[in-house]
Amino acid sequence: MYTIVLVDDEAVVREGIRERIPWEELGFQCVADCENGVQALEEIERLKPHIVLTDINMPFMDGLALSREVMEGYPDTKVVILTGYDDFEYAQQALKLKVKDFILKPVTAAELSAMLRKLRLELDEEKKEREDLARLQSQLHESMPLLKERFLERMSTMALSEKEITSRLRYFQIQLAGPCYVGLAIDADRLEEQAGADTDRELLRFAVYNIAHEIISGEPWDAVIFRSREERVMAILGGDREEPLQEKAQELAERIRQSSVQFLRLTVSVGIGMNVHGYTRIRESCKAAAAALDYRLVLGDNSVISILDMEQRRSAPAGHPAEFDRELIAGIKTGTADEADRAIEALIRHNKAELTSINHCYLRMQRTILAVMQALGDIGCKESEVFGEGVNPMTEIYRFRTMDEIGEWLKTACRRAVHSVAATRHDQCRSQIEEAVAYLESHYEDENLSVKGVCKRVHMSVSYFSAAFKAHTGRTFIEYVTAVRMDKAKELLKFTGLRTYEIAARTGYGDAQYFSVLFKKHTGESPTDYRHRTAAEQA
């Protein structure tokens, strides 16, 4: 329902209009009628109506003066002039005052109703526009944090003009004094592994952002912080001098790293870009900060990495350490996983210690992988069994973010290769060990039974036989022979009346006293005590 204030110095006119117009049917309510402009202005101030319907010729304040006051004080209120003077001068003045309509007396109820219907349509349209605008403003307000974040990301990655950056910073009310700036890139290390299956990873990312925001925003330095599309937390620090700005970046990065471990039990790495001058070069520092994170490949997780340190330390590529490759291949071919692991660990330590470029580190590892692939061909092992079906090991390393991760992946692959070599040898070795076991179980009475004699019989070296025998039986040769002889001695003590020296001789021991000592060590009882106890149990 829209409201109207009626103003006319003639009471009969006011009364006639009030009674003859179907206000509610037209969507209006006449909230006041006044006899002059002064009284009307007081009511307008109190009621703030949508429409003022006023005569021109009135005492104290005429309709044109009232219209002027209304337009200045209440620009949304529409004024309609109602007058009996058919004077063009009045019409001209009314138009200058932007009066909504000009109606000449005498006016019929139909004419006035038609005018009100027209005004109602206009008021409805204006109301809809205001509601639409309010809704858009509300949506804009809700979207402002995201829009601000997207602008900061564009500024950190794209070439924008100084004018555009300045304008957008002002629009988003971002304080970023200069002329020096430095970018920071904060990234959780191996979030998938650290978070676990039941942890909300997005919540952890927000927690990292929140920690960084609290630390950086709490400083008396101009700074902004936002999240990138790569799910990293980015920050831009501004200051008037380069040296203290770089020192502050190092300090804040270290605090963020430590706080993430302390409060989230989550390691993060922070990359720091170089100092730059001017808004348009901020993106260079941000890109350098993100590039610094790549050096986790060399330095490992939970690091604060300045691009300046990395670029200054980076040396010319050194020769590939071939001795590590030789040890690795030897470990694979001999089926010795520990030896292969040690060679890989030494290679990783070497690359990390030299702090060479990221690309050169990848190149070194590719050379090692190539050597492994050649060795697999020599021993008849399929690459797919070692690296996985459909996997290109030369490019697979690019998905890892640290040298340690590459090392673990290569260790796993080489263990598969070692297992493949060992499986081939195991089948041949097992038959030889089984032959050896059968021989010693049928010749345990032989006092001269020895590992050398058995090895000669099965055509194996003593060292290889000893390792293989223990791997297959879980015991050394001596332990196995002793166990067989002791088991046989128990049978003889339990079921025969042979004397101790006779049992010793029958189980391969020429010295009866040595046999007794060994029997007690093995069973916890002397031969005599064992015989008496078992006889009592049988009685």
Protein backbone atom coordinates (compact mmCIF):
# COMPACT_ATOMS: atom_id res chain seq x y z
CA MET A 1 0.00 0.00 0.00
CA TYR A 2 1.40 3.37 -1.07
CA THR A 3 0.73 6.60 0.87
CA ILE A 4 -0.42 10.04 -0.29
CA VAL A 5 -0.47 13.45 1.37
CA LEU A 6 -3.14 15.77 -0.09
CA VAL A 7 -2.48 19.55 0.03
CA ASP A 8 -5.11 22.20 -0.93
CA ASP A 9 -6.24 25.38 0.79
CA GLU A 10 -9.87 24.68 -0.13
CA ALA A 11 -11.45 22.20 2.33
CA VAL A 12 -14.22 21.30 -0.10
CA VAL A 13 -11.68 20.25 -2.71
CA ARG A 14 -9.78 18.14 -0.22
CA GLU A 15 -12.96 16.51 1.05
CA GLY A 16 -14.22 15.83 -2.44
CA ILE A 17 -11.01 14.16 -3.49
CA ARG A 18 -10.83 12.04 -0.34
CA GLU A 19 -14.38 10.80 -0.70
CA ARG A 20 -14.53 10.25 -4.45
CA ILE A 21 -11.30 8.32 -4.98
CA PRO A 22 -11.31 4.52 -4.22
CA TRP A 23 -7.90 4.66 -2.53
CA GLU A 24 -7.54 1.03 -1.39
CA GLU A 25 -8.78 -0.29 -4.72
CA LEU A 26 -6.07 1.72 -6.42
CA GLY A 27 -3.45 0.57 -3.91
CA PHE A 28 -3.15 3.85 -2.00
CA GLN A 29 -3.88 5.30 1.39
CA CYS A 30 -4.41 9.02 1.95
CA VAL A 31 -2.57 9.49 5.23
CA ALA A 32 -3.02 13.26 5.61
CA ASP A 33 -4.70 16.32 4.05
CA CYS A 34 -3.26 19.80 4.65
CA GLU A 35 -4.45 23.31 3.86
CA ASN A 36 -1.05 24.91 3.15
CA GLY A 37 2.54 24.10 2.31
CA VAL A 38 3.92 24.75 5.80
CA GLN A 39 1.54 22.27 7.42
CA ALA A 40 2.12 19.80 4.59
CA LEU A 41 5.90 19.96 5.00
CA GLU A 42 5.55 18.99 8.67
CA GLU A 43 3.36 15.99 7.78
CA ILE A 44 5.69 14.96 4.95
CA GLU A 45 8.62 14.98 7.36
CA ARG A 46 6.63 12.83 9.80
CA LEU A 47 4.95 10.41 7.38
CA LYS A 48 7.40 10.34 4.43
CA PRO A 49 4.68 9.54 1.87
CA HIS A 50 5.24 8.11 -1.58
CA ILE A 51 3.18 10.87 -3.32
CA VAL A 52 2.33 14.50 -2.56
CA LEU A 53 -0.75 15.79 -4.43
CA THR A 54 -0.68 19.59 -4.02
CA ASP A 55 -2.38 22.72 -5.25
CA ILE A 56 -0.18 25.64 -6.38
CA ASN A 57 -1.98 28.73 -5.14
CA MET A 58 -1.93 28.46 -1.30
CA PRO A 59 -1.11 30.84 1.58
CA PHE A 60 2.16 30.80 3.57
CA MET A 61 3.89 28.37 1.12
CA ASP A 62 2.57 27.73 -2.37
CA GLY A 63 2.73 24.43 -4.22
CA LEU A 64 5.85 25.24 -6.19
CA ALA A 65 7.79 26.19 -3.04
CA LEU A 66 6.55 23.02 -1.36
CA SER A 67 7.61 20.99 -4.39
CA ARG A 68 11.07 22.51 -4.20
CA GLU A 69 11.40 21.57 -0.50
CA VAL A 70 10.15 18.04 -1.12
CA MET A 71 12.50 17.45 -4.04
CA GLU A 72 15.48 18.63 -2.01
CA GLY A 73 14.64 16.80 1.21
CA TYR A 74 12.79 13.72 -0.06
CA PRO A 75 13.96 12.99 -3.63
CA ASP A 76 12.15 9.61 -3.75
CA THR A 77 8.75 11.23 -3.10
CA LYS A 78 6.74 12.00 -6.24
CA VAL A 79 4.97 15.38 -6.51
CA VAL A 80 1.83 15.93 -8.58
CA ILE A 81 0.66 19.55 -9.12
CA LEU A 82 -3.08 20.19 -8.98
CA THR A 83 -4.14 23.73 -9.94
CA GLY A 84 -7.00 25.70 -11.42
CA TYR A 85 -4.69 28.19 -13.16
CA ASP A 86 -4.09 27.26 -16.76
CA ASP A 87 -0.83 29.13 -16.84
CA PHE A 88 2.15 27.97 -18.91
CA GLU A 89 4.54 29.67 -16.50
CA TYR A 90 3.43 27.35 -13.69
CA ALA A 91 3.92 24.35 -15.94
CA GLN A 92 7.41 25.52 -16.86
CA GLN A 93 8.41 25.96 -13.22
CA ALA A 94 6.88 22.59 -12.33
CA LEU A 95 8.87 20.88 -15.08
CA LYS A 96 12.08 22.54 -13.87
CA LEU A 97 11.38 21.13 -10.40
CA LYS A 98 10.96 17.66 -11.96
CA VAL A 99 7.36 17.43 -10.77
CA LYS A 100 5.89 14.07 -11.75
CA ASP A 101 2.61 15.35 -13.24
CA PHE A 102 0.61 18.54 -13.73
CA ILE A 103 -3.22 18.33 -13.58
CA LEU A 104 -5.63 21.23 -14.18
CA LYS A 105 -8.75 21.83 -12.13
CA PRO A 106 -11.46 20.91 -12.24
CA VAL A 107 -10.36 17.25 -12.24
CA THR A 108 -12.72 14.29 -12.35
CA ALA A 109 -12.43 11.20 -10.20
CA ALA A 110 -11.78 9.15 -13.33
CA GLU A 111 -8.88 11.39 -14.41
CA LEU A 112 -7.34 11.33 -10.96
CA SER A 113 -7.82 7.54 -10.67
CA ALA A 114 -6.14 7.02 -14.04
CA MET A 115 -3.20 9.14 -12.93
CA LEU A 116 -2.92 7.16 -9.68
CA ARG A 117 -2.98 3.84 -11.55
CA LYS A 118 -0.14 5.09 -13.71
CA LEU A 119 1.82 6.19 -10.63
CA ARG A 120 1.22 2.85 -8.96
CA LEU A 121 2.74 1.02 -11.91
CA GLU A 122 5.77 3.30 -11.73
CA LEU A 123 6.05 2.81 -7.97
CA ASP A 124 5.77 -0.96 -8.39
CA GLU A 125 8.53 -0.94 -10.98
CA GLU A 126 10.75 1.25 -8.81
CA LYS A 127 10.12 -1.01 -5.83
CA LYS A 128 11.08 -4.05 -7.88
CA GLU A 129 14.25 -2.30 -9.06
CA ARG A 130 15.14 -1.40 -5.48
CA GLU A 131 14.56 -4.99 -4.36
CA ASP A 132 16.66 -6.31 -7.24
CA LEU A 133 19.39 -3.82 -6.44
CA ALA A 134 19.25 -4.73 -2.75
CA ARG A 135 19.48 -8.41 -3.64
CA LEU A 136 22.43 -7.78 -5.94
CA GLN A 137 24.13 -5.70 -3.27
CA SER A 138 23.56 -8.49 -0.75
CA GLN A 139 24.97 -11.06 -3.14
CA LEU A 140 27.92 -8.80 -3.87
CA HIS A 141 28.55 -8.38 -0.16
CA GLU A 142 28.42 -12.16 0.36
CA SER A 143 30.73 -12.74 -2.61
CA MET A 144 33.18 -9.99 -1.67
CA PRO A 145 35.69 -12.30 0.08
CA LEU A 146 35.78 -14.63 -2.93
CA LEU A 147 36.01 -11.73 -5.41
CA LYS A 148 38.82 -10.24 -3.36
CA GLU A 149 40.65 -13.55 -3.32
CA ARG A 150 40.25 -14.01 -7.08
CA PHE A 151 41.61 -10.52 -7.73
CA LEU A 152 44.64 -11.15 -5.53
CA GLU A 153 45.27 -14.40 -7.37
CA ARG A 154 45.07 -12.60 -10.71
CA MET A 155 47.47 -9.96 -9.45
CA SER A 156 49.89 -12.67 -8.32
CA THR A 157 49.82 -14.61 -11.60
CA MET A 158 48.83 -12.28 -14.46
CA ALA A 159 50.17 -9.09 -16.01
CA LEU A 160 47.84 -6.29 -14.86
CA SER A 161 48.32 -2.57 -15.33
CA GLU A 162 49.30 -0.29 -12.47
CA LYS A 163 46.01 1.57 -12.91
CA GLU A 164 43.90 -1.57 -12.70
CA ILE A 165 45.74 -2.88 -9.64
CA THR A 166 45.47 0.46 -7.86
CA SER A 167 41.76 0.73 -8.65
CA ARG A 168 40.98 -2.80 -7.47
CA LEU A 169 43.04 -2.44 -4.30
CA ARG A 170 41.03 0.68 -3.49
CA TYR A 171 37.74 -1.04 -4.32
CA PHE A 172 38.48 -3.99 -2.03
CA GLN A 173 39.92 -1.64 0.62
CA ILE A 174 43.26 -3.47 0.62
CA GLN A 175 46.14 -1.67 2.31
CA LEU A 176 49.41 -2.62 0.64
CA ALA A 177 52.01 0.11 0.97
CA GLY A 178 55.28 -0.12 -0.93
CA PRO A 179 57.25 0.37 -2.95
CA CYS A 180 58.88 -2.97 -2.05
CA TYR A 181 56.98 -6.26 -2.08
CA VAL A 182 57.74 -9.95 -1.48
CA GLY A 183 55.55 -13.00 -2.06
CA LEU A 184 55.17 -16.10 0.14
CA ALA A 185 53.76 -19.48 -0.88
CA ILE A 186 52.62 -21.83 1.92
CA ASP A 187 51.82 -25.46 1.16
CA ALA A 188 51.01 -28.48 3.33
CA ASP A 189 53.50 -31.32 2.80
CA ARG A 190 51.96 -34.55 1.50
CA LEU A 191 48.56 -33.63 2.96
CA GLU A 192 47.02 -36.91 1.82
CA GLU A 193 49.50 -38.89 3.94
CA GLN A 194 49.56 -36.57 6.96
CA ALA A 195 45.79 -36.06 7.16
CA GLY A 196 44.76 -39.70 7.11
CA ALA A 197 41.61 -41.21 5.65
CA ASP A 198 39.20 -39.89 8.31
CA THR A 199 40.43 -36.29 8.35
CA ASP A 200 38.73 -33.46 6.46
CA ARG A 201 41.55 -32.22 4.24
CA GLU A 202 39.73 -29.03 3.29
CA LEU A 203 39.38 -28.25 7.00
CA LEU A 204 43.13 -28.71 7.44
CA ARG A 205 43.82 -26.43 4.47
CA PHE A 206 41.60 -23.78 6.03
CA ALA A 207 43.36 -24.26 9.38
CA VAL A 208 46.72 -23.60 7.70
CA TYR A 209 45.24 -20.48 6.08
CA ASN A 210 43.84 -19.37 9.44
CA ILE A 211 47.20 -19.78 11.19
CA ALA A 212 48.99 -17.87 8.44
CA HIS A 213 46.32 -15.15 8.49
CA GLU A 214 46.55 -14.67 12.25
CA ILE A 215 50.35 -14.49 12.21
CA ILE A 216 50.66 -12.18 9.20
CA SER A 217 47.69 -9.94 10.03
CA GLY A 218 48.95 -9.48 13.56
CA GLU A 219 52.05 -7.68 12.31
CA PRO A 220 52.36 -3.88 11.82
CA TRP A 221 53.27 -4.51 8.17
CA ASP A 222 50.99 -4.05 5.21
CA ALA A 223 50.15 -7.53 4.00
CA VAL A 224 47.43 -9.53 2.26
CA ILE A 225 46.83 -13.26 2.41
CA PHE A 226 44.69 -15.41 0.13
CA ARG A 227 44.30 -18.93 -1.26
CA SER A 228 45.29 -19.88 -4.78
CA ARG A 229 43.59 -22.28 -7.18
CA GLU A 230 46.45 -24.72 -6.50
CA GLU A 231 45.17 -24.88 -2.87
CA ARG A 232 48.21 -23.05 -1.57
CA VAL A 233 48.12 -20.15 0.84
CA MET A 234 49.72 -17.07 -0.71
CA ALA A 235 50.79 -13.87 1.04
CA ILE A 236 52.16 -10.53 -0.16
CA LEU A 237 54.13 -8.30 2.20
CA GLY A 238 54.72 -4.62 1.48
CA GLY A 239 57.31 -2.24 2.88
CA ASP A 240 59.55 0.70 2.08
CA ARG A 241 62.92 -1.11 2.29
CA GLU A 242 64.14 -4.40 0.85
CA GLU A 243 66.38 -5.80 3.61
CA PRO A 244 63.95 -5.61 6.57
CA LEU A 245 61.15 -6.86 4.31
CA GLN A 246 63.09 -10.03 3.41
CA GLU A 247 64.01 -10.56 7.08
CA LYS A 248 60.37 -10.16 8.10
CA ALA A 249 59.31 -12.67 5.43
CA GLN A 250 61.80 -15.21 6.83
CA GLU A 251 60.57 -14.62 10.39
CA LEU A 252 56.87 -14.94 9.51
CA ALA A 253 57.49 -18.04 7.40
CA GLU A 254 59.29 -19.76 10.26
CA ARG A 255 56.49 -18.88 12.69
CA ILE A 256 53.89 -20.28 10.30
CA ARG A 257 55.90 -23.49 9.89
CA GLN A 258 56.35 -23.97 13.65
CA SER A 259 52.73 -23.11 14.50
CA SER A 260 51.40 -25.61 11.96
CA VAL A 261 53.41 -28.37 13.62
CA GLN A 262 52.47 -27.22 17.13
CA PHE A 263 48.73 -26.70 16.66
CA LEU A 264 47.86 -28.93 13.71
CA ARG A 265 50.58 -31.57 13.92
CA LEU A 266 50.98 -30.90 10.23
CA THR A 267 54.19 -29.98 8.43
CA VAL A 268 54.13 -27.19 5.87
CA SER A 269 56.79 -25.70 3.65
CA VAL A 270 57.03 -22.00 2.86
CA GLY A 271 58.57 -20.56 -0.29
CA ILE A 272 59.83 -16.96 -0.25
CA GLY A 273 60.21 -14.92 -3.44
CA MET A 274 62.65 -12.11 -4.16
CA ASN A 275 61.99 -8.44 -3.39
CA VAL A 276 60.37 -6.48 -6.21
CA HIS A 277 59.41 -2.83 -6.77
CA GLY A 278 55.93 -1.76 -7.86
CA TYR A 279 52.53 -3.42 -8.06
CA THR A 280 53.05 -4.81 -11.55
CA ARG A 281 56.03 -6.91 -10.46
CA ILE A 282 54.33 -8.55 -7.48
CA ARG A 283 53.46 -11.52 -9.68
CA GLU A 284 57.19 -12.14 -10.29
CA SER A 285 57.85 -12.52 -6.57
CA CYS A 286 54.77 -14.74 -6.07
CA LYS A 287 55.80 -17.01 -8.93
CA ALA A 288 59.31 -17.20 -7.49
CA ALA A 289 57.87 -18.13 -4.08
CA ALA A 290 55.90 -20.98 -5.67
CA ALA A 291 59.02 -22.07 -7.56
CA ALA A 292 60.97 -22.11 -4.28
CA LEU A 293 58.59 -24.80 -3.01
CA ASP A 294 59.85 -27.09 -5.78
CA TYR A 295 63.15 -27.28 -3.89
CA ARG A 296 61.43 -29.57 -1.40
CA LEU A 297 62.66 -32.16 -3.88
CA VAL A 298 66.15 -31.46 -2.52
CA LEU A 299 65.62 -30.07 0.99
CA GLY A 300 62.67 -32.22 2.05
CA ASP A 301 59.43 -31.31 3.79
CA ASN A 302 58.88 -28.89 6.69
CA SER A 303 61.21 -26.28 5.19
CA VAL A 304 61.38 -22.52 4.75
CA ILE A 305 62.93 -22.00 1.32
CA SER A 306 64.05 -18.65 -0.09
CA ILE A 307 64.41 -18.51 -3.86
CA LEU A 308 67.41 -16.21 -3.35
CA ASP A 309 69.26 -18.88 -1.35
CA MET A 310 68.49 -21.57 -3.90
CA GLU A 311 69.50 -19.56 -6.95
CA GLN A 312 72.74 -18.40 -5.31
CA ARG A 313 73.72 -21.91 -4.20
CA ARG A 314 72.85 -23.56 -7.47
CA SER A 315 76.05 -24.77 -9.09
CA ALA A 316 76.93 -26.11 -12.48
CA PRO A 317 75.89 -29.75 -13.00
CA ALA A 318 78.46 -32.16 -11.64
CA GLY A 319 79.21 -35.57 -13.08
CA HIS A 320 76.75 -38.37 -12.41
CA PRO A 321 77.95 -40.47 -9.45
CA ALA A 322 78.32 -43.77 -11.33
CA GLU A 323 79.56 -45.66 -8.26
CA PHE A 324 76.10 -45.47 -6.71
CA ASP A 325 74.58 -47.00 -9.83
CA ARG A 326 77.14 -49.83 -9.82
CA GLU A 327 76.35 -50.66 -6.19
CA LEU A 328 72.61 -50.52 -6.91
CA ILE A 329 72.86 -52.87 -9.89
CA ALA A 330 75.09 -55.25 -7.90
CA GLY A 331 72.48 -55.37 -5.14
CA ILE A 332 69.73 -56.20 -7.64
CA LYS A 333 71.71 -58.88 -9.48
CA THR A 334 72.86 -60.56 -6.29
CA GLY A 335 69.38 -60.38 -4.79
CA THR A 336 70.56 -58.22 -1.88
CA ALA A 337 67.88 -55.66 -1.07
CA ASP A 338 69.88 -53.99 1.72
CA GLU A 339 72.75 -53.28 -0.64
CA ALA A 340 70.36 -51.76 -3.19
CA ASP A 341 68.75 -49.62 -0.46
CA ARG A 342 72.12 -48.32 0.71
CA ALA A 343 73.10 -47.35 -2.83
CA ILE A 344 69.83 -45.42 -3.33
CA GLU A 345 70.18 -43.68 0.03
CA ALA A 346 73.73 -42.63 -0.84
CA LEU A 347 72.56 -41.24 -4.19
CA ILE A 348 69.77 -39.22 -2.53
CA ARG A 349 72.17 -37.82 0.09
CA HIS A 350 74.60 -36.84 -2.66
CA ASN A 351 71.96 -34.93 -4.65
CA LYS A 352 70.60 -33.18 -1.56
CA ALA A 353 74.06 -32.16 -0.40
CA GLU A 354 75.00 -30.58 -3.74
CA LEU A 355 71.82 -28.43 -3.92
CA THR A 356 71.89 -28.46 -7.70
CA SER A 357 68.96 -27.35 -9.83
CA ILE A 358 65.66 -29.22 -9.73
CA ASN A 359 65.96 -30.21 -13.39
CA HIS A 360 69.45 -31.60 -12.87
CA CYS A 361 68.25 -33.67 -9.91
CA TYR A 362 65.57 -35.20 -12.11
CA LEU A 363 68.18 -35.84 -14.82
CA ARG A 364 70.45 -37.66 -12.39
CA MET A 365 67.63 -39.87 -11.18
CA GLN A 366 66.62 -40.65 -14.76
CA ARG A 367 70.17 -41.85 -15.47
CA THR A 368 69.96 -44.15 -12.47
CA ILE A 369 66.57 -45.44 -13.58
CA LEU A 370 67.96 -46.08 -17.07
CA ALA A 371 70.78 -48.13 -15.54
CA VAL A 372 68.24 -50.15 -13.55
CA MET A 373 66.15 -50.77 -16.67
CA GLN A 374 69.21 -52.05 -18.53
CA ALA A 375 70.07 -54.37 -15.64
CA LEU A 376 66.51 -55.74 -15.64
CA GLY A 377 66.95 -56.62 -19.31
CA ASP A 378 70.21 -58.42 -18.53
CA ILE A 379 68.60 -60.67 -15.92
CA GLY A 380 65.40 -61.25 -17.91
CA CYS A 381 63.09 -59.31 -15.57
CA LYS A 382 60.15 -57.40 -17.05
CA GLU A 383 59.98 -53.65 -16.39
CA SER A 384 56.21 -53.85 -15.75
CA GLU A 385 56.82 -56.30 -12.88
CA VAL A 386 59.15 -53.79 -11.24
CA PHE A 387 57.67 -50.34 -12.03
CA GLY A 388 54.03 -51.28 -12.67
CA GLU A 389 51.92 -51.96 -15.72
CA GLY A 390 51.73 -48.98 -18.08
CA VAL A 391 54.13 -46.87 -15.97
CA ASN A 392 56.95 -44.94 -17.63
CA PRO A 393 59.58 -44.73 -14.89
CA MET A 394 61.44 -41.94 -16.70
CA THR A 395 58.47 -39.58 -16.29
CA GLU A 396 56.96 -41.09 -13.14
CA ILE A 397 59.48 -39.24 -10.96
CA TYR A 398 57.91 -35.87 -11.83
CA ARG A 399 54.89 -36.63 -9.63
CA PHE A 400 57.06 -36.65 -6.49
CA ARG A 401 57.83 -33.49 -4.53
CA THR A 402 60.95 -34.53 -2.59
CA MET A 403 64.10 -36.52 -3.24
CA ASP A 404 63.13 -38.72 -0.30
CA GLU A 405 59.85 -39.60 -2.01
CA ILE A 406 61.74 -40.50 -5.19
CA GLY A 407 64.14 -42.56 -3.12
CA GLU A 408 61.34 -44.53 -1.45
CA TRP A 409 59.65 -45.14 -4.80
CA LEU A 410 62.93 -46.37 -6.33
CA LYS A 411 63.61 -48.56 -3.30
CA THR A 412 60.21 -50.20 -3.69
CA ALA A 413 60.83 -50.84 -7.39
CA CYS A 414 64.30 -52.27 -6.76
CA ARG A 415 62.97 -54.53 -4.01
CA ARG A 416 60.57 -55.96 -6.57
CA ALA A 417 63.52 -56.55 -8.87
CA VAL A 418 65.47 -58.21 -6.06
CA HIS A 419 62.44 -60.36 -5.28
CA SER A 420 62.18 -61.40 -8.92
CA VAL A 421 65.85 -62.42 -8.98
CA ALA A 422 65.52 -64.21 -5.66
CA ALA A 423 62.38 -66.07 -6.76
CA THR A 424 64.19 -67.50 -9.77
CA ARG A 425 67.10 -68.66 -7.65
CA HIS A 426 64.86 -69.88 -4.86
CA ASP A 427 63.36 -72.69 -6.91
CA GLN A 428 66.78 -74.07 -7.78
CA CYS A 429 68.14 -73.55 -4.31
CA ARG A 430 65.19 -75.21 -2.57
CA SER A 431 65.76 -78.56 -4.26
CA GLN A 432 69.43 -78.45 -3.23
CA ILE A 433 68.58 -77.66 0.39
CA GLU A 434 65.94 -80.38 0.48
CA GLU A 435 68.56 -82.85 -0.77
CA ALA A 436 70.93 -81.66 1.98
CA VAL A 437 68.26 -82.06 4.69
CA ALA A 438 67.41 -85.57 3.54
CA TYR A 439 71.10 -86.50 3.58
CA LEU A 440 71.85 -85.25 7.11
CA GLU A 441 68.65 -86.81 8.53
CA SER A 442 69.81 -90.21 7.22
CA HIS A 443 73.48 -89.72 8.22
CA TYR A 444 73.15 -88.05 11.62
CA GLU A 445 74.97 -91.04 13.22
CA ASP A 446 78.12 -90.13 11.30
CA GLU A 447 80.46 -88.47 13.75
CA ASN A 448 82.31 -86.86 10.83
CA LEU A 449 79.17 -85.25 9.33
CA SER A 450 80.12 -81.68 8.39
CA VAL A 451 78.81 -78.69 6.44
CA LYS A 452 81.69 -78.98 3.99
CA GLY A 453 80.83 -82.57 3.21
CA VAL A 454 77.16 -81.78 2.65
CA CYS A 455 78.03 -78.75 0.46
CA LYS A 456 80.28 -80.90 -1.66
CA ARG A 457 77.46 -83.40 -2.10
CA VAL A 458 74.88 -80.77 -3.21
CA HIS A 459 77.41 -78.68 -5.20
CA MET A 460 77.09 -75.42 -3.27
CA SER A 461 79.62 -73.10 -1.67
CA VAL A 462 79.76 -73.11 2.12
CA SER A 463 78.82 -69.43 2.48
CA TYR A 464 75.89 -69.57 0.05
CA PHE A 465 74.73 -72.93 1.46
CA SER A 466 74.81 -71.62 5.03
CA ALA A 467 72.68 -68.59 4.16
CA ALA A 468 70.27 -70.59 2.02
CA PHE A 469 69.99 -73.40 4.60
CA LYS A 470 69.03 -70.99 7.37
CA ALA A 471 66.60 -69.16 5.07
CA HIS A 472 64.81 -72.46 4.27
CA THR A 473 64.91 -74.15 7.69
CA GLY A 474 65.14 -71.22 10.09
CA ARG A 475 68.24 -72.81 11.70
CA THR A 476 71.93 -72.99 11.05
CA PHE A 477 73.42 -76.26 9.85
CA ILE A 478 74.81 -77.08 13.33
CA GLU A 479 71.53 -76.16 15.04
CA TYR A 480 69.58 -78.39 12.68
CA VAL A 481 71.94 -81.38 13.03
CA THR A 482 71.96 -81.00 16.82
CA ALA A 483 68.15 -80.90 16.93
CA VAL A 484 67.90 -84.08 14.82
CA ARG A 485 70.42 -85.90 17.01
CA MET A 486 68.76 -84.76 20.26
CA ASP A 487 65.34 -85.92 19.05
CA LYS A 488 66.80 -89.33 18.20
CA ALA A 489 68.56 -89.49 21.60
CA LYS A 490 65.23 -88.82 23.37
CA GLU A 491 63.67 -91.76 21.55
CA LEU A 492 66.51 -94.08 22.52
CA LEU A 493 66.41 -92.98 26.18
CA LYS A 494 62.67 -93.41 26.34
CA PHE A 495 62.22 -96.71 24.53
CA THR A 496 65.52 -98.62 24.93
CA GLY A 497 67.78 -99.67 27.74
CA LEU A 498 70.96 -98.57 25.99
CA ARG A 499 73.58 -96.91 28.14
CA THR A 500 74.38 -93.23 27.74
CA TYR A 501 77.70 -93.85 25.92
CA GLU A 502 75.90 -96.22 23.52
CA ILE A 503 73.23 -93.62 22.75
CA ALA A 504 75.93 -90.98 22.25
CA ALA A 505 77.67 -93.19 19.70
CA ARG A 506 74.42 -93.89 17.87
CA THR A 507 73.67 -90.17 17.55
CA GLY A 508 77.07 -89.12 16.17
CA TYR A 509 78.89 -88.21 19.40
CA GLY A 510 82.11 -90.12 20.16
CA ASP A 511 82.51 -88.35 23.53
CA ALA A 512 79.74 -89.47 25.93
CA GLN A 513 80.50 -86.70 28.43
CA TYR A 514 80.17 -84.03 25.73
CA PHE A 515 76.92 -85.66 24.68
CA SER A 516 75.54 -85.45 28.23
CA VAL A 517 76.46 -81.78 28.56
CA LEU A 518 74.91 -80.99 25.19
CA PHE A 519 71.75 -82.99 25.99
CA LYS A 520 71.20 -81.12 29.25
CA LYS A 521 71.77 -77.77 27.53
CA HIS A 522 69.26 -78.75 24.88
CA THR A 523 66.53 -80.24 27.13
CA GLY A 524 67.27 -78.87 30.59
CA GLU A 525 67.79 -82.40 31.98
CA SER A 526 70.62 -84.93 32.07
CA PRO A 527 70.09 -88.11 30.02
CA THR A 528 69.55 -90.13 33.24
CA ASP A 529 67.01 -87.66 34.65
CA TYR A 530 65.16 -87.57 31.34
CA ARG A 531 64.97 -91.42 31.27
CA HIS A 532 63.68 -91.61 34.84
CA ARG A 533 61.04 -88.88 34.33
CA THR A 534 59.68 -90.36 31.11
CA ALA A 535 59.66 -93.86 32.65
CA ALA A 536 57.64 -92.56 35.60
CA GLU A 537 55.18 -90.88 33.27
CA GLN A 538 54.65 -94.13 31.39
CA ALA A 539 54.14 -96.21 34.54
